[in-house]
Amino acid sequence: MVKAPLYPLRFEPIYKNTIWGGGKILGLKNLEPNEEKIGESWEISGVQGDISVVSDGYLKGTSLTELIQKYKEIFVGETVYQRYGNQFPLLFKFIDANQDLSVQVHPDDEMARKHRQSNGKTEFWYVLEAEEGSSLYAGLSKNCTAEELRDAVEKGGVCKLLNKEEVTSGDAFYLPAGRVHAIGAGLLIAEIQQTSNATYRLFDYNRVDINGKPRELHLDKALESIDYKVYRNYKTIYNKTRMCKPIRLKECGYFTINLISADTFVKFDYKGLDSFVAFMCVEGSAVFTSQRKFNGKINRGETILFPACDLPVALIPENEQVKLLEVYVR
């Protein structure tokens, strides 16, 4: 493999103002308080129109697309490049729900292509903060048909058919395309998803946008996209006390997500892995060393992308403990 001048990369956050956003992302990012309602911070994005740009080092100002075009498989991994080409496969973001988000669903790849959207949207949530009494909806709680769900939406009673989960910090949820869901007020969440912005709203509590108009719904497309099967469990169950070893949260065709909880030195073994690796820090801070001996620090609320040719080899927590999401593609 040809040596490349690559190093662990940070990107400029892309902030999204929303009617339901609040001030938690300002605190997470150590920004000055203001009146803006920031609902999302896109950490690493290959979504057209919102392409991430490197924030530091000699590649500062280089877009994610330019990086892939120039470095190809030594940046994202040979298998990943063969599968996705010059499109980065994942979108990383933090979400601050100061108000309830709309009841929505995302299409799978087939459905997205049918409606001329590039990709479907399978995603994963990890809860950083949850105010007392916070909850979210994930999946259906009762068997119903599309027509019964349509009737519930039109009468304002759709939430009675949804699975409601009370949540606390550290809870995690896998949301495959087709699973109806809604993030509730009071939650700060890390989200990893396919590179897609395809969202179909079923219900939005009769809210209006900044221009006083009702927000657009996509009822027909949503009803066509939903998985109507009722599942026994929707929350990810894992050992929250395990330390210093990767805890598998989810592995699917689009991503693998592990939780690293560490209070001492951790060494990583990526032998046989043909992918980039991303760290999203959800608690504490740590210093790291990469394969090419780049040293750095990651703090809560930061996301770092390690190229396939320069994967992390070691991590040392600062203070007491660090928690981070480790993400790659198989």
C-alpha atoms as a PDB file:
ATOM      1  CA  MET A   1       0.000   0.000   0.000  1.00  0.00           C
ATOM      2  CA  VAL A   2       1.287   3.442  -0.926  1.00  0.00           C
ATOM      3  CA  LYS A   3       1.954   5.687   2.040  1.00  0.00           C
ATOM      4  CA  ALA A   4      -0.453   8.589   2.132  1.00  0.00           C
ATOM      5  CA  PRO A   5      -0.230  11.885   4.015  1.00  0.00           C
ATOM      6  CA  LEU A   6      -3.361  11.100   6.004  1.00  0.00           C
ATOM      7  CA  TYR A   7      -3.963  11.516   9.723  1.00  0.00           C
ATOM      8  CA  PRO A   8      -6.892  11.357  12.183  1.00  0.00           C
ATOM      9  CA  LEU A   9      -9.369  13.890  10.821  1.00  0.00           C
ATOM     10  CA  ARG A  10     -11.757  16.330  12.446  1.00  0.00           C
ATOM     11  CA  PHE A  11     -14.439  18.151  10.476  1.00  0.00           C
ATOM     12  CA  GLU A  12     -16.259  21.450  10.855  1.00  0.00           C
ATOM     13  CA  PRO A  13     -19.669  20.739  12.449  1.00  0.00           C
ATOM     14  CA  ILE A  14     -22.650  21.596  10.262  1.00  0.00           C
ATOM     15  CA  TYR A  15     -25.282  23.083  12.558  1.00  0.00           C
ATOM     16  CA  LYS A  16     -28.980  22.777  11.718  1.00  0.00           C
ATOM     17  CA  ASN A  17     -31.482  25.217  13.184  1.00  0.00           C
ATOM     18  CA  THR A  18     -34.862  23.559  13.778  1.00  0.00           C
ATOM     19  CA  ILE A  19     -38.161  24.515  15.384  1.00  0.00           C
ATOM     20  CA  TRP A  20     -37.678  21.734  17.949  1.00  0.00           C
ATOM     21  CA  GLY A  21     -34.002  22.389  18.783  1.00  0.00           C
ATOM     22  CA  GLY A  22     -32.638  23.812  22.006  1.00  0.00           C
ATOM     23  CA  GLY A  23     -29.383  24.740  23.710  1.00  0.00           C
ATOM     24  CA  LYS A  24     -27.782  21.390  24.568  1.00  0.00           C
ATOM     25  CA  ILE A  25     -25.602  21.300  21.456  1.00  0.00           C
ATOM     26  CA  LEU A  26     -24.270  24.757  22.311  1.00  0.00           C
ATOM     27  CA  GLY A  27     -23.090  23.316  25.623  1.00  0.00           C
ATOM     28  CA  LEU A  28     -21.826  20.115  24.031  1.00  0.00           C
ATOM     29  CA  LYS A  29     -19.729  22.123  21.577  1.00  0.00           C
ATOM     30  CA  ASN A  30     -18.662  24.798  24.079  1.00  0.00           C
ATOM     31  CA  LEU A  31     -20.302  27.526  22.028  1.00  0.00           C
ATOM     32  CA  GLU A  32     -21.445  30.871  23.373  1.00  0.00           C
ATOM     33  CA  PRO A  33     -25.105  30.851  24.460  1.00  0.00           C
ATOM     34  CA  ASN A  34     -27.468  32.464  21.954  1.00  0.00           C
ATOM     35  CA  GLU A  35     -31.084  32.369  20.864  1.00  0.00           C
ATOM     36  CA  GLU A  36     -30.586  29.910  18.031  1.00  0.00           C
ATOM     37  CA  LYS A  37     -32.428  26.602  18.287  1.00  0.00           C
ATOM     38  CA  ILE A  38     -29.782  24.175  17.103  1.00  0.00           C
ATOM     39  CA  GLY A  39     -31.430  20.815  16.633  1.00  0.00           C
ATOM     40  CA  GLU A  40     -28.581  18.947  14.976  1.00  0.00           C
ATOM     41  CA  SER A  41     -24.818  19.011  14.603  1.00  0.00           C
ATOM     42  CA  TRP A  42     -23.752  17.041  11.549  1.00  0.00           C
ATOM     43  CA  GLU A  43     -20.313  15.757  12.481  1.00  0.00           C
ATOM     44  CA  ILE A  44     -19.299  13.861   9.331  1.00  0.00           C
ATOM     45  CA  SER A  45     -21.543  14.181   6.301  1.00  0.00           C
ATOM     46  CA  GLY A  46     -21.423  13.145   2.678  1.00  0.00           C
ATOM     47  CA  VAL A  47     -24.987  14.318   2.024  1.00  0.00           C
ATOM     48  CA  GLN A  48     -25.157  16.408  -1.136  1.00  0.00           C
ATOM     49  CA  GLY A  49     -25.303  20.091  -0.208  1.00  0.00           C
ATOM     50  CA  ASP A  50     -23.907  19.390   3.262  1.00  0.00           C
ATOM     51  CA  ILE A  51     -20.476  17.897   2.601  1.00  0.00           C
ATOM     52  CA  SER A  52     -18.143  18.009   5.587  1.00  0.00           C
ATOM     53  CA  VAL A  53     -14.852  19.923   5.430  1.00  0.00           C
ATOM     54  CA  VAL A  54     -11.668  19.128   7.382  1.00  0.00           C
ATOM     55  CA  SER A  55     -11.189  21.554  10.268  1.00  0.00           C
ATOM     56  CA  ASP A  56      -7.474  21.228  11.076  1.00  0.00           C
ATOM     57  CA  GLY A  57      -4.061  20.081   9.882  1.00  0.00           C
ATOM     58  CA  TYR A  58      -2.605  20.503   6.420  1.00  0.00           C
ATOM     59  CA  LEU A  59      -5.784  19.104   4.852  1.00  0.00           C
ATOM     60  CA  LYS A  60      -7.859  21.880   6.452  1.00  0.00           C
ATOM     61  CA  GLY A  61     -10.541  23.053   4.033  1.00  0.00           C
ATOM     62  CA  THR A  62     -10.555  19.797   2.054  1.00  0.00           C
ATOM     63  CA  SER A  63     -14.012  18.310   1.579  1.00  0.00           C
ATOM     64  CA  LEU A  64     -14.899  14.736   2.436  1.00  0.00           C
ATOM     65  CA  THR A  65     -15.668  14.089  -1.231  1.00  0.00           C
ATOM     66  CA  GLU A  66     -12.259  15.383  -2.293  1.00  0.00           C
ATOM     67  CA  LEU A  67     -10.580  13.134   0.261  1.00  0.00           C
ATOM     68  CA  ILE A  68     -12.296  10.032  -1.121  1.00  0.00           C
ATOM     69  CA  GLN A  69     -11.600  10.995  -4.726  1.00  0.00           C
ATOM     70  CA  LYS A  70      -7.915  11.519  -3.987  1.00  0.00           C
ATOM     71  CA  TYR A  71      -7.137   8.714  -1.529  1.00  0.00           C
ATOM     72  CA  LYS A  72      -9.826   6.161  -2.410  1.00  0.00           C
ATOM     73  CA  GLU A  73      -9.336   2.791  -0.665  1.00  0.00           C
ATOM     74  CA  ILE A  74      -6.484   3.936   1.569  1.00  0.00           C
ATOM     75  CA  PHE A  75      -8.913   6.419   3.084  1.00  0.00           C
ATOM     76  CA  VAL A  76     -12.145   4.424   3.425  1.00  0.00           C
ATOM     77  CA  GLY A  77     -10.941   0.837   2.865  1.00  0.00           C
ATOM     78  CA  GLU A  78     -10.832  -1.227  -0.325  1.00  0.00           C
ATOM     79  CA  THR A  79     -14.108  -3.058   0.262  1.00  0.00           C
ATOM     80  CA  VAL A  80     -15.889   0.133   1.285  1.00  0.00           C
ATOM     81  CA  TYR A  81     -14.621   1.951  -1.809  1.00  0.00           C
ATOM     82  CA  GLN A  82     -15.682  -0.864  -4.106  1.00  0.00           C
ATOM     83  CA  ARG A  83     -19.166  -0.773  -2.612  1.00  0.00           C
ATOM     84  CA  TYR A  84     -19.755   2.979  -2.292  1.00  0.00           C
ATOM     85  CA  GLY A  85     -17.299   4.619  -4.678  1.00  0.00           C
ATOM     86  CA  ASN A  86     -16.830   8.322  -3.974  1.00  0.00           C
ATOM     87  CA  GLN A  87     -19.830   8.525  -1.639  1.00  0.00           C
ATOM     88  CA  PHE A  88     -19.069   8.375   2.069  1.00  0.00           C
ATOM     89  CA  PRO A  89     -21.472   5.725   3.425  1.00  0.00           C
ATOM     90  CA  LEU A  90     -22.419   7.126   6.840  1.00  0.00           C
ATOM     91  CA  LEU A  91     -23.716  10.308   8.443  1.00  0.00           C
ATOM     92  CA  PHE A  92     -22.749  11.105  12.042  1.00  0.00           C
ATOM     93  CA  LYS A  93     -24.723  13.641  14.047  1.00  0.00           C
ATOM     94  CA  PHE A  94     -25.778  14.864  17.480  1.00  0.00           C
ATOM     95  CA  ILE A  95     -29.472  15.661  17.997  1.00  0.00           C
ATOM     96  CA  ASP A  96     -30.937  17.975  20.649  1.00  0.00           C
ATOM     97  CA  ALA A  97     -34.685  17.511  21.033  1.00  0.00           C
ATOM     98  CA  ASN A  98     -35.928  20.449  23.097  1.00  0.00           C
ATOM     99  CA  GLN A  99     -39.416  19.582  21.821  1.00  0.00           C
ATOM    100  CA  ASP A 100     -40.886  16.350  20.473  1.00  0.00           C
ATOM    101  CA  LEU A 101     -39.775  15.495  16.952  1.00  0.00           C
ATOM    102  CA  SER A 102     -42.346  14.470  14.370  1.00  0.00           C
ATOM    103  CA  VAL A 103     -43.602  10.904  14.081  1.00  0.00           C
ATOM    104  CA  GLN A 104     -41.737   9.668  11.024  1.00  0.00           C
ATOM    105  CA  VAL A 105     -40.298   6.763   9.114  1.00  0.00           C
ATOM    106  CA  HIS A 106     -37.399   6.328   6.706  1.00  0.00           C
ATOM    107  CA  PRO A 107     -37.545   4.280   3.497  1.00  0.00           C
ATOM    108  CA  ASP A 108     -35.303   1.332   2.719  1.00  0.00           C
ATOM    109  CA  ASP A 109     -32.985   1.427  -0.293  1.00  0.00           C
ATOM    110  CA  GLU A 110     -35.586   0.002  -2.678  1.00  0.00           C
ATOM    111  CA  MET A 111     -38.270   2.429  -1.585  1.00  0.00           C
ATOM    112  CA  ALA A 112     -35.862   5.372  -1.727  1.00  0.00           C
ATOM    113  CA  ARG A 113     -34.837   4.518  -5.284  1.00  0.00           C
ATOM    114  CA  LYS A 114     -38.504   4.224  -6.239  1.00  0.00           C
ATOM    115  CA  HIS A 115     -39.003   7.833  -5.175  1.00  0.00           C
ATOM    116  CA  ARG A 116     -35.727   8.992  -6.759  1.00  0.00           C
ATOM    117  CA  GLN A 117     -33.761   9.311  -3.559  1.00  0.00           C
ATOM    118  CA  SER A 118     -30.247   7.914  -3.501  1.00  0.00           C
ATOM    119  CA  ASN A 119     -30.309   5.769  -0.356  1.00  0.00           C
ATOM    120  CA  GLY A 120     -32.632   4.477   2.279  1.00  0.00           C
ATOM    121  CA  LYS A 121     -32.018   5.372   5.889  1.00  0.00           C
ATOM    122  CA  THR A 122     -31.223   2.867   8.598  1.00  0.00           C
ATOM    123  CA  GLU A 123     -29.994   4.504  11.795  1.00  0.00           C
ATOM    124  CA  PHE A 124     -28.869   3.995  15.387  1.00  0.00           C
ATOM    125  CA  TRP A 125     -29.368   6.161  18.485  1.00  0.00           C
ATOM    126  CA  TYR A 126     -27.276   6.438  21.646  1.00  0.00           C
ATOM    127  CA  VAL A 127     -28.692   8.647  24.422  1.00  0.00           C
ATOM    128  CA  LEU A 128     -26.143  11.049  25.957  1.00  0.00           C
ATOM    129  CA  GLU A 129     -28.586  12.948  28.156  1.00  0.00           C
ATOM    130  CA  ALA A 130     -32.184  12.393  29.162  1.00  0.00           C
ATOM    131  CA  GLU A 131     -34.166  14.823  31.272  1.00  0.00           C
ATOM    132  CA  GLU A 132     -36.339  13.244  33.931  1.00  0.00           C
ATOM    133  CA  GLY A 133     -39.427  11.676  32.391  1.00  0.00           C
ATOM    134  CA  SER A 134     -38.089  11.797  28.818  1.00  0.00           C
ATOM    135  CA  SER A 135     -39.295   9.188  26.359  1.00  0.00           C
ATOM    136  CA  LEU A 136     -39.286   8.286  22.691  1.00  0.00           C
ATOM    137  CA  TYR A 137     -41.272   6.165  20.278  1.00  0.00           C
ATOM    138  CA  ALA A 138     -39.716   3.231  18.425  1.00  0.00           C
ATOM    139  CA  GLY A 139     -41.828   0.788  16.452  1.00  0.00           C
ATOM    140  CA  LEU A 140     -45.444  -0.273  16.739  1.00  0.00           C
ATOM    141  CA  SER A 141     -47.032  -1.553  19.947  1.00  0.00           C
ATOM    142  CA  LYS A 142     -50.139  -3.013  18.333  1.00  0.00           C
ATOM    143  CA  ASN A 143     -50.892  -4.890  15.141  1.00  0.00           C
ATOM    144  CA  CYS A 144     -52.574  -2.629  12.627  1.00  0.00           C
ATOM    145  CA  THR A 145     -53.086  -2.188   8.913  1.00  0.00           C
ATOM    146  CA  ALA A 146     -52.013   0.765   6.815  1.00  0.00           C
ATOM    147  CA  GLU A 147     -55.596   1.991   6.712  1.00  0.00           C
ATOM    148  CA  GLU A 148     -55.961   1.751  10.490  1.00  0.00           C
ATOM    149  CA  LEU A 149     -52.744   3.703  10.907  1.00  0.00           C
ATOM    150  CA  ARG A 150     -53.924   6.317   8.394  1.00  0.00           C
ATOM    151  CA  ASP A 151     -57.173   6.710  10.327  1.00  0.00           C
ATOM    152  CA  ALA A 152     -55.238   7.125  13.598  1.00  0.00           C
ATOM    153  CA  VAL A 153     -53.036   9.795  12.037  1.00  0.00           C
ATOM    154  CA  GLU A 154     -55.998  11.731  10.669  1.00  0.00           C
ATOM    155  CA  LYS A 155     -57.742  11.627  14.059  1.00  0.00           C
ATOM    156  CA  GLY A 156     -54.602  12.644  15.962  1.00  0.00           C
ATOM    157  CA  GLY A 157     -54.280   9.343  17.808  1.00  0.00           C
ATOM    158  CA  VAL A 158     -51.323   7.744  16.069  1.00  0.00           C
ATOM    159  CA  CYS A 159     -49.130   7.756  19.203  1.00  0.00           C
ATOM    160  CA  LYS A 160     -51.515   5.262  20.840  1.00  0.00           C
ATOM    161  CA  LEU A 161     -50.339   2.688  18.297  1.00  0.00           C
ATOM    162  CA  LEU A 162     -46.621   3.308  18.884  1.00  0.00           C
ATOM    163  CA  ASN A 163     -44.213   1.655  21.308  1.00  0.00           C
ATOM    164  CA  LYS A 164     -43.264   4.235  23.936  1.00  0.00           C
ATOM    165  CA  GLU A 165     -39.956   3.877  25.781  1.00  0.00           C
ATOM    166  CA  GLU A 166     -38.893   5.820  28.856  1.00  0.00           C
ATOM    167  CA  VAL A 167     -35.176   6.442  28.461  1.00  0.00           C
ATOM    168  CA  THR A 168     -32.102   7.303  30.471  1.00  0.00           C
ATOM    169  CA  SER A 169     -28.516   8.172  29.603  1.00  0.00           C
ATOM    170  CA  GLY A 170     -26.769   5.240  27.941  1.00  0.00           C
ATOM    171  CA  ASP A 171     -29.871   3.730  26.332  1.00  0.00           C
ATOM    172  CA  ALA A 172     -29.507   2.712  22.703  1.00  0.00           C
ATOM    173  CA  PHE A 173     -31.895   1.923  19.850  1.00  0.00           C
ATOM    174  CA  TYR A 174     -31.466   0.376  16.412  1.00  0.00           C
ATOM    175  CA  LEU A 175     -33.927   1.781  13.865  1.00  0.00           C
ATOM    176  CA  PRO A 176     -33.858  -0.136  10.598  1.00  0.00           C
ATOM    177  CA  ALA A 177     -35.509   1.518   7.628  1.00  0.00           C
ATOM    178  CA  GLY A 178     -39.274   1.090   7.936  1.00  0.00           C
ATOM    179  CA  ARG A 179     -39.467   1.417  11.735  1.00  0.00           C
ATOM    180  CA  VAL A 180     -41.769   4.292  12.678  1.00  0.00           C
ATOM    181  CA  HIS A 181     -40.277   6.475  15.423  1.00  0.00           C
ATOM    182  CA  ALA A 182     -40.115   9.852  17.146  1.00  0.00           C
ATOM    183  CA  ILE A 183     -37.541  11.371  19.498  1.00  0.00           C
ATOM    184  CA  GLY A 184     -39.137  12.917  22.555  1.00  0.00           C
ATOM    185  CA  ALA A 185     -38.394  16.231  24.234  1.00  0.00           C
ATOM    186  CA  GLY A 186     -35.486  16.451  26.670  1.00  0.00           C
ATOM    187  CA  LEU A 187     -33.101  14.093  24.863  1.00  0.00           C
ATOM    188  CA  LEU A 188     -29.571  14.605  23.557  1.00  0.00           C
ATOM    189  CA  ILE A 189     -28.713  11.798  21.171  1.00  0.00           C
ATOM    190  CA  ALA A 190     -25.800  10.613  19.039  1.00  0.00           C
ATOM    191  CA  GLU A 191     -27.023   9.226  15.732  1.00  0.00           C
ATOM    192  CA  ILE A 192     -25.220   7.101  13.148  1.00  0.00           C
ATOM    193  CA  GLN A 193     -27.087   6.490   9.909  1.00  0.00           C
ATOM    194  CA  GLN A 194     -26.833   5.775   6.228  1.00  0.00           C
ATOM    195  CA  THR A 195     -25.886   8.756   4.096  1.00  0.00           C
ATOM    196  CA  SER A 196     -29.403   9.891   3.339  1.00  0.00           C
ATOM    197  CA  ASN A 197     -31.837  12.626   4.232  1.00  0.00           C
ATOM    198  CA  ALA A 198     -34.946  10.669   3.238  1.00  0.00           C
ATOM    199  CA  THR A 199     -37.635  11.207   5.884  1.00  0.00           C
ATOM    200  CA  TYR A 200     -41.408  10.738   5.614  1.00  0.00           C
ATOM    201  CA  ARG A 201     -43.474  12.482   8.308  1.00  0.00           C
ATOM    202  CA  LEU A 202     -46.732  10.922   9.459  1.00  0.00           C
ATOM    203  CA  PHE A 203     -47.681  13.397  12.164  1.00  0.00           C
ATOM    204  CA  ASP A 204     -46.225  16.613  13.578  1.00  0.00           C
ATOM    205  CA  TYR A 205     -48.597  17.621  16.391  1.00  0.00           C
ATOM    206  CA  ASN A 206     -50.201  20.255  14.115  1.00  0.00           C
ATOM    207  CA  ARG A 207     -47.134  22.489  14.410  1.00  0.00           C
ATOM    208  CA  VAL A 208     -46.363  25.284  11.973  1.00  0.00           C
ATOM    209  CA  ASP A 209     -43.008  26.368  10.534  1.00  0.00           C
ATOM    210  CA  ILE A 210     -41.327  29.780  10.913  1.00  0.00           C
ATOM    211  CA  ASN A 211     -43.656  31.125   8.223  1.00  0.00           C
ATOM    212  CA  GLY A 212     -46.768  30.016  10.075  1.00  0.00           C
ATOM    213  CA  LYS A 213     -47.536  27.179   7.655  1.00  0.00           C
ATOM    214  CA  PRO A 214     -48.191  23.563   8.668  1.00  0.00           C
ATOM    215  CA  ARG A 215     -45.110  21.401   8.217  1.00  0.00           C
ATOM    216  CA  GLU A 216     -45.267  19.085   5.231  1.00  0.00           C
ATOM    217  CA  LEU A 217     -46.432  15.518   5.820  1.00  0.00           C
ATOM    218  CA  HIS A 218     -45.757  12.530   3.561  1.00  0.00           C
ATOM    219  CA  LEU A 219     -48.523  10.196   4.670  1.00  0.00           C
ATOM    220  CA  ASP A 220     -48.845   8.021   1.564  1.00  0.00           C
ATOM    221  CA  LYS A 221     -45.096   7.412   1.252  1.00  0.00           C
ATOM    222  CA  ALA A 222     -44.779   6.819   4.990  1.00  0.00           C
ATOM    223  CA  LEU A 223     -47.582   4.232   5.069  1.00  0.00           C
ATOM    224  CA  GLU A 224     -45.970   2.448   2.126  1.00  0.00           C
ATOM    225  CA  SER A 225     -42.558   2.400   3.870  1.00  0.00           C
ATOM    226  CA  ILE A 226     -43.542   1.213   7.366  1.00  0.00           C
ATOM    227  CA  ASP A 227     -42.719  -2.232   8.728  1.00  0.00           C
ATOM    228  CA  TYR A 228     -46.021  -3.239  10.331  1.00  0.00           C
ATOM    229  CA  LYS A 229     -44.596  -6.150  12.324  1.00  0.00           C
ATOM    230  CA  VAL A 230     -44.703  -5.773  16.120  1.00  0.00           C
ATOM    231  CA  TYR A 231     -41.448  -6.827  17.802  1.00  0.00           C
ATOM    232  CA  ARG A 232     -40.880  -8.007  21.353  1.00  0.00           C
ATOM    233  CA  ASN A 233     -37.999  -5.630  22.101  1.00  0.00           C
ATOM    234  CA  TYR A 234     -36.951  -2.355  20.521  1.00  0.00           C
ATOM    235  CA  LYS A 235     -34.294  -1.181  22.969  1.00  0.00           C
ATOM    236  CA  THR A 236     -30.728  -2.476  22.614  1.00  0.00           C
ATOM    237  CA  ILE A 237     -29.784  -4.593  25.623  1.00  0.00           C
ATOM    238  CA  TYR A 238     -26.113  -4.586  26.575  1.00  0.00           C
ATOM    239  CA  ASN A 239     -23.792  -4.839  29.576  1.00  0.00           C
ATOM    240  CA  LYS A 240     -23.379  -1.273  30.805  1.00  0.00           C
ATOM    241  CA  THR A 241     -20.763  -2.225  33.406  1.00  0.00           C
ATOM    242  CA  ARG A 242     -18.218  -3.851  31.083  1.00  0.00           C
ATOM    243  CA  MET A 243     -14.998  -1.863  30.931  1.00  0.00           C
ATOM    244  CA  CYS A 244     -12.059  -1.550  28.540  1.00  0.00           C
ATOM    245  CA  LYS A 245     -13.395  -3.983  25.931  1.00  0.00           C
ATOM    246  CA  PRO A 246     -15.637  -3.233  22.957  1.00  0.00           C
ATOM    247  CA  ILE A 247     -19.329  -3.786  23.661  1.00  0.00           C
ATOM    248  CA  ARG A 248     -21.174  -4.660  20.467  1.00  0.00           C
ATOM    249  CA  LEU A 249     -24.269  -2.473  20.191  1.00  0.00           C
ATOM    250  CA  LYS A 250     -25.185  -3.285  16.601  1.00  0.00           C
ATOM    251  CA  GLU A 251     -23.792  -4.880  13.488  1.00  0.00           C
ATOM    252  CA  CYS A 252     -25.780  -4.693  10.268  1.00  0.00           C
ATOM    253  CA  GLY A 253     -25.105  -4.404   6.546  1.00  0.00           C
ATOM    254  CA  TYR A 254     -24.479  -0.661   6.833  1.00  0.00           C
ATOM    255  CA  PHE A 255     -22.405  -0.248  10.006  1.00  0.00           C
ATOM    256  CA  THR A 256     -20.903  -1.843  13.084  1.00  0.00           C
ATOM    257  CA  ILE A 257     -21.190   0.135  16.324  1.00  0.00           C
ATOM    258  CA  ASN A 258     -19.345  -0.685  19.536  1.00  0.00           C
ATOM    259  CA  LEU A 259     -19.325   1.158  22.852  1.00  0.00           C
ATOM    260  CA  ILE A 260     -15.911   1.641  24.461  1.00  0.00           C
ATOM    261  CA  SER A 261     -16.088   2.417  28.191  1.00  0.00           C
ATOM    262  CA  ALA A 262     -12.599   2.798  29.623  1.00  0.00           C
ATOM    263  CA  ASP A 263     -10.973   3.903  32.850  1.00  0.00           C
ATOM    264  CA  THR A 264      -7.469   2.792  31.879  1.00  0.00           C
ATOM    265  CA  PHE A 265      -5.252   2.119  28.844  1.00  0.00           C
ATOM    266  CA  VAL A 266      -7.015   0.389  25.915  1.00  0.00           C
ATOM    267  CA  LYS A 267      -5.253  -1.201  22.951  1.00  0.00           C
ATOM    268  CA  PHE A 268      -7.139  -1.761  19.689  1.00  0.00           C
ATOM    269  CA  ASP A 269      -6.689  -4.634  17.252  1.00  0.00           C
ATOM    270  CA  TYR A 270      -8.050  -3.940  13.790  1.00  0.00           C
ATOM    271  CA  LYS A 271      -6.301  -6.825  12.068  1.00  0.00           C
ATOM    272  CA  GLY A 272      -8.372  -7.844   9.072  1.00  0.00           C
ATOM    273  CA  LEU A 273     -10.588  -4.753   9.167  1.00  0.00           C
ATOM    274  CA  ASP A 274     -10.895  -3.078   5.773  1.00  0.00           C
ATOM    275  CA  SER A 275     -12.596   0.180   6.742  1.00  0.00           C
ATOM    276  CA  PHE A 276     -12.147   3.605   8.250  1.00  0.00           C
ATOM    277  CA  VAL A 277     -12.960   3.891  11.973  1.00  0.00           C
ATOM    278  CA  ALA A 278     -14.809   6.800  13.586  1.00  0.00           C
ATOM    279  CA  PHE A 279     -14.899   7.705  17.275  1.00  0.00           C
ATOM    280  CA  MET A 280     -17.815   9.715  18.697  1.00  0.00           C
ATOM    281  CA  CYS A 281     -17.001  10.734  22.265  1.00  0.00           C
ATOM    282  CA  VAL A 282     -20.133  10.664  24.438  1.00  0.00           C
ATOM    283  CA  GLU A 283     -18.545  11.052  27.875  1.00  0.00           C
ATOM    284  CA  GLY A 284     -15.212  12.238  29.274  1.00  0.00           C
ATOM    285  CA  SER A 285     -12.034  12.681  27.253  1.00  0.00           C
ATOM    286  CA  ALA A 286      -8.988  10.677  26.211  1.00  0.00           C
ATOM    287  CA  VAL A 287      -5.705  10.843  24.351  1.00  0.00           C
ATOM    288  CA  PHE A 288      -5.038   8.464  21.479  1.00  0.00           C
ATOM    289  CA  THR A 289      -2.237   7.224  19.237  1.00  0.00           C
ATOM    290  CA  SER A 290      -2.789   6.159  15.635  1.00  0.00           C
ATOM    291  CA  GLN A 291      -1.015   3.539  13.555  1.00  0.00           C
ATOM    292  CA  ARG A 292       1.182   6.186  11.915  1.00  0.00           C
ATOM    293  CA  LYS A 293       1.975   7.533  15.394  1.00  0.00           C
ATOM    294  CA  PHE A 294      -0.213  10.612  15.287  1.00  0.00           C
ATOM    295  CA  ASN A 295      -1.163  11.623  18.820  1.00  0.00           C
ATOM    296  CA  GLY A 296      -4.284  13.539  19.686  1.00  0.00           C
ATOM    297  CA  LYS A 297      -7.095  14.145  22.135  1.00  0.00           C
ATOM    298  CA  ILE A 298     -10.817  13.589  21.876  1.00  0.00           C
ATOM    299  CA  ASN A 299     -13.361  15.305  24.149  1.00  0.00           C
ATOM    300  CA  ARG A 300     -17.042  14.754  24.788  1.00  0.00           C
ATOM    301  CA  GLY A 301     -19.019  15.983  21.808  1.00  0.00           C
ATOM    302  CA  GLU A 302     -16.195  15.480  19.309  1.00  0.00           C
ATOM    303  CA  THR A 303     -16.004  13.058  16.402  1.00  0.00           C
ATOM    304  CA  ILE A 304     -12.760  11.878  14.786  1.00  0.00           C
ATOM    305  CA  LEU A 305     -12.367   9.881  11.588  1.00  0.00           C
ATOM    306  CA  PHE A 306      -9.364   7.557  11.333  1.00  0.00           C
ATOM    307  CA  PRO A 307      -8.484   6.670   7.716  1.00  0.00           C
ATOM    308  CA  ALA A 308      -8.216   2.976   6.874  1.00  0.00           C
ATOM    309  CA  CYS A 309      -4.429   3.373   6.563  1.00  0.00           C
ATOM    310  CA  ASP A 310      -4.061   5.011   9.985  1.00  0.00           C
ATOM    311  CA  LEU A 311      -6.337   3.296  12.490  1.00  0.00           C
ATOM    312  CA  PRO A 312      -6.180   4.018  16.228  1.00  0.00           C
ATOM    313  CA  VAL A 313      -3.944   1.675  18.191  1.00  0.00           C
ATOM    314  CA  ALA A 314      -4.291   2.915  21.761  1.00  0.00           C
ATOM    315  CA  LEU A 315      -6.469   5.105  23.973  1.00  0.00           C
ATOM    316  CA  ILE A 316      -5.785   6.499  27.446  1.00  0.00           C
ATOM    317  CA  PRO A 317      -8.669   8.146  29.376  1.00  0.00           C
ATOM    318  CA  GLU A 318      -8.140  11.492  31.050  1.00  0.00           C
ATOM    319  CA  ASN A 319      -9.448  11.904  34.589  1.00  0.00           C
ATOM    320  CA  GLU A 320     -11.723   8.994  35.512  1.00  0.00           C
ATOM    321  CA  GLN A 321     -13.513   7.534  32.500  1.00  0.00           C
ATOM    322  CA  VAL A 322     -14.223   7.951  28.806  1.00  0.00           C
ATOM    323  CA  LYS A 323     -17.065   6.554  26.724  1.00  0.00           C
ATOM    324  CA  LEU A 324     -17.062   6.605  22.958  1.00  0.00           C
ATOM    325  CA  LEU A 325     -18.874   5.002  20.062  1.00  0.00           C
ATOM    326  CA  GLU A 326     -16.564   3.102  17.731  1.00  0.00           C
ATOM    327  CA  VAL A 327     -17.997   2.872  14.226  1.00  0.00           C
ATOM    328  CA  TYR A 328     -16.843   1.136  11.042  1.00  0.00           C
ATOM    329  CA  VAL A 329     -18.176  -0.658   7.970  1.00  0.00           C
ATOM    330  CA  ARG A 330     -17.745  -4.365   7.200  1.00  0.00           C
END
